[in-house]
Amino acid sequence: MAAISTVGARTAASSPSKSIESTISQILVDGLKLYTVTCRDVTERVRAAQMKKTLESQLHQSQKMEAFGQLAGGVAHDFNNLLQIIMGYSELILTIVPLKDPMRESIMAIGEAGSRAASLTRQLLAFSRQTVLEPKVLDLNEVVRETEKILRRLIGEDILLTALLDPSIRQVKVDPGQLGQVLINIAVNARDAMPQGGKLSIETGNVELNASFPHASHDFRPGPYVMLAMSDTGCGMTPELKARIFEPFFTTKCVGKGTGLGLAVVHGIVSQSDGQIELRSEPGSGTTFKIYLPAVEGEASTMEAVESAEPLRGKEIILLVEDEENVRGLVSLVLRAYGYEVLVATDGRDALRLAKSHAGAIDLLLTDVVMPHLSGRQVADALQPQFPRMKVLYMSGYTDDAVVRHGLVHGQMPFLQKPATPVNLARKVRSLLDRSN
């Protein structure tokens, strides 16, 4: 019998649809070299390995986001209370300082710094998906049209902005302010990628996403979606840059030219709105962001017009419940300045005591959400039987998760996010009091 010896070599090849593993063996038969090739279809094994790698990457990114979100949410309450005081008192002081007083410029600088700090806090919370949303059923095209005016000013005259909007667009349920922020952040990123000018296009349309959608997040639900696409003719991105573009504080801009939160905020807002985001970009070929929002049924809300200059003053009786002393003092001062009669309570128990001894009606309960002993929701529930016509306005510097845990469901109850300027506070109070039951 002839002696047989083998020497094996293994290779792998892949095509767009198949992955093949080949084993080549040398066989020596009576001095003759023969070769055998064994092929195995390892497509599923390769797909499983790629999926595992993708899931591990998503898990790692999710853990980083969660840790950062916990940090942002932990400091938001105290930070927003401090900003409420800074912004509120600076605005109040400006109302009594003469126009020609040299101190006005310094006071305005304080207020502007507070506003920038508040904006940064909102971006941090938006990234970490902890903002308090006010979702509305709306026409996405209407949001684009309203924001388009701002975008034209932002991107400059050397960039051509075009919009191709599907007139048969389905409705979506999102926070219009947050969606406008998404448009602005992407537009600013596109502008920076086109320093010599270029084109920025916006497109909307209806799509159906199924289980094979390649850019789906872990909580993706197949079904009808509305697509919002923004494409630029800028410098594009390398694969390394695309892999990090949604990371917080990651930026390619020079020091002092950006926070690195713009696209991280976009990702956070889209995720919190149950949407999906797709990025396509190649060096020298521009960039396209495609955002998919779940389509919904229902009557669309109209976009709110610019706030009117209607009188904000009133004579109603307001029960203010706030456990932070300095914030309590500021809010009561603002409300009294607008003509309201204010009953001031230091916490929930104090509010119930005041209400019990109060002889007349209470038109509005303005209460912090998170307080010791009794939450704002518990105070409202306890007082509603005694004052059935009383309106309730909640305010908080806490993030969305904390608010929900204390019984307030976003989008279903009047809510004022701290920090709020005196004018915004007065406008919200007046709007709620004028609303019919």
Protein backbone atom coordinates (compact mmCIF):
# COMPACT_ATOMS: atom_id res chain seq x y z
CA MET A 1 0.00 0.00 0.00
CA ALA A 2 1.32 3.39 -0.89
CA ALA A 3 2.43 5.72 1.86
CA ILE A 4 0.30 8.91 2.05
CA SER A 5 1.27 12.13 3.82
CA THR A 6 -0.65 15.45 3.90
CA VAL A 7 0.25 19.08 4.51
CA GLY A 8 -2.70 21.43 5.03
CA ALA A 9 -3.12 25.17 4.42
CA ARG A 10 -6.29 27.10 5.27
CA THR A 11 -7.51 30.23 3.46
CA ALA A 12 -10.63 32.31 3.61
CA ALA A 13 -12.43 34.35 0.99
CA SER A 14 -15.58 36.38 1.05
CA SER A 15 -18.00 37.93 -1.40
CA PRO A 16 -20.78 40.45 -0.76
CA SER A 17 -23.17 37.57 -0.05
CA LYS A 18 -21.03 34.60 0.96
CA SER A 19 -18.02 33.87 3.17
CA ILE A 20 -16.06 30.74 2.20
CA GLU A 21 -13.28 29.00 4.16
CA SER A 22 -10.98 26.78 2.06
CA THR A 23 -8.58 24.10 3.26
CA ILE A 24 -5.88 22.99 0.77
CA SER A 25 -4.15 19.67 1.51
CA GLN A 26 -1.14 18.14 -0.20
CA ILE A 27 -1.20 14.36 -0.64
CA LEU A 28 1.94 12.37 -1.51
CA VAL A 29 1.12 9.13 -3.32
CA ASP A 30 4.08 7.03 -4.55
CA GLY A 31 6.14 10.15 -5.01
CA LEU A 32 3.37 12.06 -6.78
CA LYS A 33 2.10 15.31 -5.25
CA LEU A 34 -1.67 15.61 -5.32
CA TYR A 35 -3.79 18.39 -3.85
CA THR A 36 -7.30 18.44 -2.43
CA VAL A 37 -9.41 21.52 -1.72
CA THR A 38 -12.18 21.47 0.87
CA CYS A 39 -14.56 24.45 0.95
CA ARG A 40 -16.89 25.35 3.78
CA ASP A 41 -19.64 28.00 3.79
CA VAL A 42 -18.95 30.02 6.97
CA THR A 43 -21.25 32.93 6.11
CA GLU A 44 -23.38 32.58 9.22
CA ARG A 45 -20.34 32.22 11.46
CA VAL A 46 -18.81 35.42 10.03
CA ARG A 47 -22.11 37.28 10.37
CA ALA A 48 -22.44 36.14 13.95
CA ALA A 49 -18.91 37.35 14.73
CA GLN A 50 -19.58 40.71 13.08
CA MET A 51 -22.88 41.06 14.93
CA LYS A 52 -21.16 40.24 18.22
CA LYS A 53 -18.53 42.89 17.55
CA THR A 54 -21.21 45.45 16.68
CA LEU A 55 -23.26 44.65 19.77
CA GLU A 56 -20.19 44.88 22.00
CA SER A 57 -19.37 48.27 20.48
CA GLN A 58 -22.96 49.48 21.00
CA LEU A 59 -22.94 48.21 24.59
CA HIS A 60 -19.66 49.99 25.30
CA GLN A 61 -20.99 53.23 23.82
CA SER A 62 -24.27 52.84 25.72
CA GLN A 63 -22.40 52.35 29.00
CA LYS A 64 -20.36 55.50 28.36
CA MET A 65 -23.55 57.45 27.61
CA GLU A 66 -25.27 56.11 30.71
CA ALA A 67 -22.34 57.04 32.95
CA PHE A 68 -22.15 60.50 31.47
CA GLY A 69 -25.92 60.89 31.71
CA GLN A 70 -25.87 60.02 35.40
CA LEU A 71 -23.18 62.62 35.98
CA ALA A 72 -25.07 65.30 34.03
CA GLY A 73 -28.36 64.49 35.72
CA GLY A 74 -26.75 64.50 39.15
CA VAL A 75 -25.54 68.09 38.89
CA ALA A 76 -28.44 69.46 36.82
CA HIS A 77 -30.80 70.26 39.68
CA ASP A 78 -28.42 72.34 41.80
CA PHE A 79 -26.84 73.91 38.74
CA ASN A 80 -30.20 74.92 37.26
CA ASN A 81 -31.29 76.45 40.56
CA LEU A 82 -28.13 78.56 40.63
CA LEU A 83 -28.68 79.65 37.03
CA GLN A 84 -32.28 80.50 37.83
CA ILE A 85 -31.05 82.96 40.45
CA ILE A 86 -28.29 84.42 38.24
CA MET A 87 -30.47 84.90 35.17
CA GLY A 88 -33.55 86.00 37.09
CA TYR A 89 -32.01 88.70 39.22
CA SER A 90 -29.88 90.06 36.37
CA GLU A 91 -33.03 90.50 34.27
CA LEU A 92 -34.89 92.13 37.15
CA ILE A 93 -32.03 94.56 37.84
CA LEU A 94 -32.01 95.60 34.18
CA THR A 95 -35.62 96.74 34.49
CA ILE A 96 -34.69 99.36 37.10
CA VAL A 97 -31.23 100.44 35.92
CA PRO A 98 -31.36 103.53 33.64
CA LEU A 99 -30.47 102.96 29.98
CA LYS A 100 -27.42 105.21 30.17
CA ASP A 101 -26.07 103.71 33.38
CA PRO A 102 -22.59 102.21 32.70
CA MET A 103 -23.47 99.26 34.96
CA ARG A 104 -26.00 97.94 32.41
CA GLU A 105 -23.29 96.41 30.27
CA SER A 106 -21.89 94.45 33.22
CA ILE A 107 -25.33 93.27 34.28
CA MET A 108 -26.14 92.18 30.73
CA ALA A 109 -22.86 90.24 30.60
CA ILE A 110 -23.88 88.35 33.75
CA GLY A 111 -27.24 87.44 32.24
CA GLU A 112 -25.68 86.35 28.94
CA ALA A 113 -23.16 84.16 30.75
CA GLY A 114 -26.02 82.55 32.65
CA SER A 115 -27.89 81.93 29.39
CA ARG A 116 -24.85 80.29 27.81
CA ALA A 117 -24.38 78.09 30.87
CA ALA A 118 -28.07 77.12 30.73
CA SER A 119 -27.71 76.27 27.04
CA LEU A 120 -24.70 74.07 27.80
CA THR A 121 -26.65 72.27 30.52
CA ARG A 122 -29.52 71.64 28.10
CA GLN A 123 -27.08 70.20 25.58
CA LEU A 124 -25.57 67.88 28.17
CA LEU A 125 -29.00 66.63 29.19
CA ALA A 126 -30.15 66.31 25.58
CA PHE A 127 -27.10 64.17 24.81
CA SER A 128 -27.76 61.95 27.81
CA ARG A 129 -31.47 61.71 26.90
CA GLN A 130 -32.61 63.28 30.15
CA THR A 131 -34.37 66.41 28.92
CA VAL A 132 -38.04 66.96 29.68
CA LEU A 133 -39.73 66.74 26.29
CA GLU A 134 -43.01 68.36 25.27
CA PRO A 135 -43.92 66.12 22.31
CA LYS A 136 -46.65 67.14 19.87
CA VAL A 137 -48.19 65.48 16.85
CA LEU A 138 -47.02 67.64 13.97
CA ASP A 139 -46.12 67.97 10.32
CA LEU A 140 -42.36 67.59 9.95
CA ASN A 141 -42.41 69.84 6.89
CA GLU A 142 -43.77 72.68 9.00
CA VAL A 143 -40.88 72.40 11.45
CA VAL A 144 -38.42 72.47 8.56
CA ARG A 145 -40.05 75.56 7.06
CA GLU A 146 -40.00 77.41 10.37
CA THR A 147 -36.38 76.49 11.09
CA GLU A 148 -35.27 77.22 7.52
CA LYS A 149 -35.34 80.96 8.23
CA ILE A 150 -32.83 80.51 11.04
CA LEU A 151 -30.67 78.14 9.00
CA ARG A 152 -30.22 80.65 6.18
CA ARG A 153 -28.79 83.16 8.64
CA LEU A 154 -26.55 80.54 10.25
CA ILE A 155 -24.91 79.03 7.17
CA GLY A 156 -24.16 82.28 5.32
CA GLU A 157 -24.70 83.48 1.77
CA ASP A 158 -21.99 81.29 0.21
CA ILE A 159 -23.95 78.09 0.95
CA LEU A 160 -27.02 77.29 -1.15
CA LEU A 161 -29.85 75.86 0.96
CA THR A 162 -32.55 73.84 -0.79
CA ALA A 163 -35.50 71.88 0.57
CA LEU A 164 -37.38 69.02 -1.12
CA LEU A 165 -40.36 68.32 1.12
CA ASP A 166 -42.82 65.50 0.47
CA PRO A 167 -46.34 67.06 0.57
CA SER A 168 -47.88 63.71 1.59
CA ILE A 169 -45.65 63.37 4.64
CA ARG A 170 -46.98 61.38 7.58
CA GLN A 171 -47.20 62.93 11.02
CA VAL A 172 -44.68 62.43 13.82
CA LYS A 173 -44.83 62.99 17.56
CA VAL A 174 -41.78 64.96 18.69
CA ASP A 175 -40.80 68.04 20.66
CA PRO A 176 -40.72 70.75 17.95
CA GLY A 177 -38.08 72.77 19.80
CA GLN A 178 -35.79 69.76 20.12
CA LEU A 179 -36.30 68.83 16.47
CA GLY A 180 -35.41 72.37 15.47
CA GLN A 181 -32.22 71.99 17.49
CA VAL A 182 -31.38 68.84 15.51
CA LEU A 183 -31.71 70.77 12.23
CA ILE A 184 -29.59 73.64 13.51
CA ASN A 185 -26.80 71.42 14.89
CA ILE A 186 -26.48 69.43 11.67
CA ALA A 187 -26.55 72.63 9.59
CA VAL A 188 -23.78 74.19 11.68
CA ASN A 189 -21.69 71.05 11.28
CA ALA A 190 -22.27 71.18 7.50
CA ARG A 191 -21.31 74.86 7.36
CA ASP A 192 -18.00 74.15 9.09
CA ALA A 193 -17.32 71.36 6.58
CA MET A 194 -17.78 73.82 3.68
CA PRO A 195 -15.48 76.79 4.46
CA GLN A 196 -15.39 77.76 0.75
CA GLY A 197 -19.14 77.46 0.31
CA GLY A 198 -21.26 74.66 -1.13
CA LYS A 199 -24.75 73.18 -1.01
CA LEU A 200 -26.92 72.02 1.87
CA SER A 201 -30.12 70.16 1.03
CA ILE A 202 -33.00 69.04 3.23
CA GLU A 203 -35.36 66.27 2.18
CA THR A 204 -38.37 64.62 3.80
CA GLY A 205 -40.28 61.49 2.85
CA ASN A 206 -42.22 58.47 4.04
CA VAL A 207 -40.37 55.16 4.43
CA GLU A 208 -40.99 51.66 5.74
CA LEU A 209 -38.21 50.19 7.88
CA ASN A 210 -38.09 46.45 8.45
CA ALA A 211 -36.08 44.21 10.75
CA SER A 212 -33.13 44.19 8.34
CA PHE A 213 -32.54 47.96 8.65
CA PRO A 214 -28.72 48.03 8.98
CA HIS A 215 -28.45 51.12 11.21
CA ALA A 216 -31.02 50.09 13.82
CA SER A 217 -30.39 50.64 17.50
CA HIS A 218 -31.12 47.93 20.04
CA ASP A 219 -34.68 49.24 20.71
CA PHE A 220 -35.63 49.57 17.03
CA ARG A 221 -39.23 48.79 16.08
CA PRO A 222 -40.03 48.03 12.41
CA GLY A 223 -42.86 49.95 10.78
CA PRO A 224 -43.72 53.24 9.06
CA TYR A 225 -41.26 56.09 9.60
CA VAL A 226 -40.78 59.63 8.38
CA MET A 227 -37.33 60.40 7.00
CA LEU A 228 -35.51 63.70 7.41
CA ALA A 229 -32.29 63.84 5.37
CA MET A 230 -29.69 66.63 5.41
CA SER A 231 -26.87 66.44 2.85
CA ASP A 232 -23.88 68.71 2.28
CA THR A 233 -21.11 68.93 -0.32
CA GLY A 234 -18.38 69.37 2.27
CA CYS A 235 -15.09 67.61 2.93
CA GLY A 236 -16.70 64.40 4.19
CA MET A 237 -15.42 62.09 6.93
CA THR A 238 -12.94 59.25 7.22
CA PRO A 239 -14.13 55.94 8.73
CA GLU A 240 -12.17 56.80 11.91
CA LEU A 241 -13.98 60.12 12.23
CA LYS A 242 -17.40 58.59 11.55
CA ALA A 243 -16.82 56.06 14.33
CA ARG A 244 -16.44 58.86 16.90
CA ILE A 245 -18.65 61.63 15.52
CA PHE A 246 -21.46 61.16 18.07
CA GLU A 247 -19.15 61.00 21.09
CA PRO A 248 -19.54 63.86 23.59
CA PHE A 249 -16.79 66.49 23.53
CA PHE A 250 -15.23 64.99 20.41
CA THR A 251 -14.51 67.75 17.91
CA THR A 252 -12.19 68.42 15.00
CA LYS A 253 -12.39 72.17 15.56
CA CYS A 254 -9.64 74.27 17.14
CA VAL A 255 -9.62 74.83 20.89
CA GLY A 256 -12.30 77.34 21.82
CA LYS A 257 -14.21 76.90 18.54
CA GLY A 258 -16.65 74.21 19.62
CA THR A 259 -17.89 72.17 22.57
CA GLY A 260 -17.99 68.85 20.74
CA LEU A 261 -21.62 68.40 21.81
CA GLY A 262 -23.50 69.35 18.62
CA LEU A 263 -23.85 65.93 17.02
CA ALA A 264 -23.89 64.15 20.38
CA VAL A 265 -26.98 66.25 21.16
CA VAL A 266 -28.50 65.25 17.80
CA HIS A 267 -28.00 61.58 18.65
CA GLY A 268 -29.52 62.04 22.11
CA ILE A 269 -32.61 63.90 20.86
CA VAL A 270 -33.27 61.39 18.08
CA SER A 271 -32.87 58.46 20.48
CA GLN A 272 -35.13 60.02 23.09
CA SER A 273 -37.75 60.55 20.38
CA ASP A 274 -37.66 56.79 19.54
CA GLY A 275 -35.98 57.57 16.22
CA GLN A 276 -33.05 56.16 14.28
CA ILE A 277 -30.11 57.96 12.69
CA GLU A 278 -27.99 56.98 9.70
CA LEU A 279 -24.71 58.60 8.67
CA ARG A 280 -23.20 58.35 5.20
CA SER A 281 -19.94 60.12 4.41
CA GLU A 282 -16.77 59.66 2.41
CA PRO A 283 -13.70 61.93 2.25
CA GLY A 284 -14.25 64.49 -0.49
CA SER A 285 -17.82 63.34 -1.18
CA GLY A 286 -19.84 65.22 1.42
CA THR A 287 -21.99 63.96 4.28
CA THR A 288 -25.61 62.87 4.64
CA PHE A 289 -27.49 62.47 7.92
CA LYS A 290 -30.76 60.54 7.66
CA ILE A 291 -33.09 60.69 10.63
CA TYR A 292 -36.06 58.35 10.89
CA LEU A 293 -38.94 59.20 13.24
CA PRO A 294 -41.88 56.86 13.89
CA ALA A 295 -45.02 57.87 11.99
CA VAL A 296 -48.13 58.40 14.13
CA GLU A 297 -51.84 59.00 13.67
CA GLY A 298 -53.71 61.97 15.07
CA GLU A 299 -54.50 65.61 14.43
CA ALA A 300 -51.38 67.68 13.90
CA SER A 301 -50.69 70.61 16.21
CA THR A 302 -49.93 73.94 14.61
CA MET A 303 -46.54 75.49 15.25
CA GLU A 304 -46.76 78.18 17.90
CA ALA A 305 -46.26 81.65 16.59
CA VAL A 306 -43.79 84.05 18.13
CA GLU A 307 -44.99 85.03 21.57
CA SER A 308 -47.22 88.08 21.42
CA ALA A 309 -46.74 91.19 23.45
CA GLU A 310 -50.05 90.75 25.28
CA PRO A 311 -50.11 91.98 28.89
CA LEU A 312 -48.67 89.42 31.30
CA ARG A 313 -49.98 91.01 34.47
CA GLY A 314 -52.73 89.56 36.62
CA LYS A 315 -54.48 89.74 40.00
CA GLU A 316 -55.02 86.04 40.66
CA ILE A 317 -53.92 84.25 43.82
CA ILE A 318 -50.93 81.93 43.40
CA LEU A 319 -49.66 79.38 45.91
CA LEU A 320 -45.89 79.07 45.41
CA VAL A 321 -44.17 75.95 46.79
CA GLU A 322 -40.36 75.91 46.53
CA ASP A 323 -37.88 74.44 48.99
CA GLU A 324 -34.84 76.36 47.69
CA GLU A 325 -34.83 79.68 49.59
CA ASN A 326 -33.15 81.88 46.98
CA VAL A 327 -35.26 80.53 44.12
CA ARG A 328 -38.39 80.95 46.25
CA GLY A 329 -37.51 84.57 46.93
CA LEU A 330 -36.88 85.31 43.25
CA VAL A 331 -40.06 83.68 41.95
CA SER A 332 -42.27 85.34 44.55
CA LEU A 333 -40.68 88.72 43.74
CA VAL A 334 -41.34 88.22 40.00
CA LEU A 335 -44.95 87.17 40.49
CA ARG A 336 -45.71 90.09 42.79
CA ALA A 337 -44.06 92.47 40.32
CA TYR A 338 -46.59 91.26 37.74
CA GLY A 339 -49.47 92.01 40.10
CA TYR A 340 -50.28 88.57 41.50
CA GLU A 341 -51.07 87.83 45.13
CA VAL A 342 -48.60 85.17 46.26
CA LEU A 343 -48.84 82.69 49.13
CA VAL A 344 -45.34 81.37 49.80
CA ALA A 345 -44.68 77.86 51.15
CA THR A 346 -41.27 76.41 51.97
CA ASP A 347 -42.26 72.79 51.21
CA GLY A 348 -45.25 70.52 50.65
CA ARG A 349 -46.32 70.33 54.29
CA ASP A 350 -46.15 74.10 54.61
CA ALA A 351 -48.28 74.41 51.46
CA LEU A 352 -51.03 72.22 52.91
CA ARG A 353 -50.97 74.26 56.13
CA LEU A 354 -51.23 77.55 54.23
CA ALA A 355 -54.06 76.29 52.05
CA LYS A 356 -56.02 75.06 55.04
CA SER A 357 -55.90 78.47 56.70
CA HIS A 358 -56.58 80.39 53.49
CA ALA A 359 -60.17 81.64 53.31
CA GLY A 360 -60.51 82.39 49.61
CA ALA A 361 -59.76 80.62 46.35
CA ILE A 362 -56.38 79.64 44.96
CA ASP A 363 -56.18 80.17 41.22
CA LEU A 364 -52.81 78.56 40.55
CA LEU A 365 -50.46 76.19 42.33
CA LEU A 366 -46.86 76.80 41.20
CA THR A 367 -44.80 74.03 42.72
CA ASP A 368 -41.39 72.46 42.47
CA VAL A 369 -41.58 68.77 41.59
CA VAL A 370 -38.91 67.23 43.82
CA MET A 371 -39.05 68.31 47.46
CA PRO A 372 -38.56 66.69 50.86
CA HIS A 373 -41.56 65.14 52.62
CA LEU A 374 -44.10 65.69 49.81
CA SER A 375 -43.52 65.96 46.08
CA GLY A 376 -45.20 68.60 43.95
CA ARG A 377 -47.56 66.00 42.53
CA GLN A 378 -48.62 64.89 46.00
CA VAL A 379 -49.29 68.50 47.02
CA ALA A 380 -51.44 69.03 43.92
CA ASP A 381 -53.41 65.83 44.52
CA ALA A 382 -54.04 66.81 48.15
CA LEU A 383 -55.24 70.34 47.29
CA GLN A 384 -57.34 69.59 44.22
CA PRO A 385 -60.49 68.50 46.14
CA GLN A 386 -60.41 71.73 48.19
CA PHE A 387 -59.75 73.91 45.12
CA PRO A 388 -61.28 72.08 42.11
CA ARG A 389 -60.78 75.05 39.73
CA MET A 390 -57.13 75.52 40.69
CA LYS A 391 -54.61 75.27 37.83
CA VAL A 392 -51.28 73.54 38.49
CA LEU A 393 -47.88 74.48 37.03
CA TYR A 394 -44.90 72.28 37.85
CA MET A 395 -41.32 73.50 37.70
CA SER A 396 -38.07 71.63 38.19
CA GLY A 397 -34.36 71.70 37.57
CA TYR A 398 -34.22 67.92 37.66
CA THR A 399 -33.99 65.81 34.54
CA ASP A 400 -36.71 63.81 32.87
CA ASP A 401 -36.18 60.55 34.75
CA ALA A 402 -36.41 62.23 38.15
CA VAL A 403 -39.55 64.12 37.15
CA VAL A 404 -41.29 60.98 35.90
CA ARG A 405 -40.37 59.08 39.07
CA HIS A 406 -42.20 61.73 41.07
CA GLY A 407 -45.44 61.26 39.15
CA LEU A 408 -45.19 63.86 36.37
CA VAL A 409 -45.57 62.50 32.85
CA HIS A 410 -43.96 64.75 30.29
CA GLY A 411 -46.18 66.28 27.68
CA GLN A 412 -49.35 65.73 29.70
CA MET A 413 -49.08 68.39 32.43
CA PRO A 414 -48.01 72.06 32.38
CA PHE A 415 -44.30 72.18 33.13
CA LEU A 416 -41.65 74.90 33.41
CA GLN A 417 -38.02 73.84 33.13
CA LYS A 418 -35.53 75.68 35.32
CA PRO A 419 -33.79 77.97 34.72
CA ALA A 420 -36.53 80.26 33.40
CA THR A 421 -36.28 84.02 32.97
CA PRO A 422 -38.84 86.25 34.73
CA VAL A 423 -40.57 87.02 31.43
CA ASN A 424 -40.85 83.34 30.49
CA LEU A 425 -42.18 82.55 33.96
CA ALA A 426 -44.79 85.30 33.73
CA ARG A 427 -45.75 84.21 30.20
CA LYS A 428 -46.22 80.59 31.25
CA VAL A 429 -48.30 81.56 34.29
CA ARG A 430 -50.50 83.94 32.29
CA SER A 431 -50.99 81.39 29.51
CA LEU A 432 -52.08 78.70 31.95
CA LEU A 433 -54.45 80.99 33.86
CA ASP A 434 -56.09 82.11 30.62
CA ARG A 435 -56.58 78.53 29.47
CA SER A 436 -60.12 77.21 29.77
CA ASN A 437 -60.62 74.10 31.90
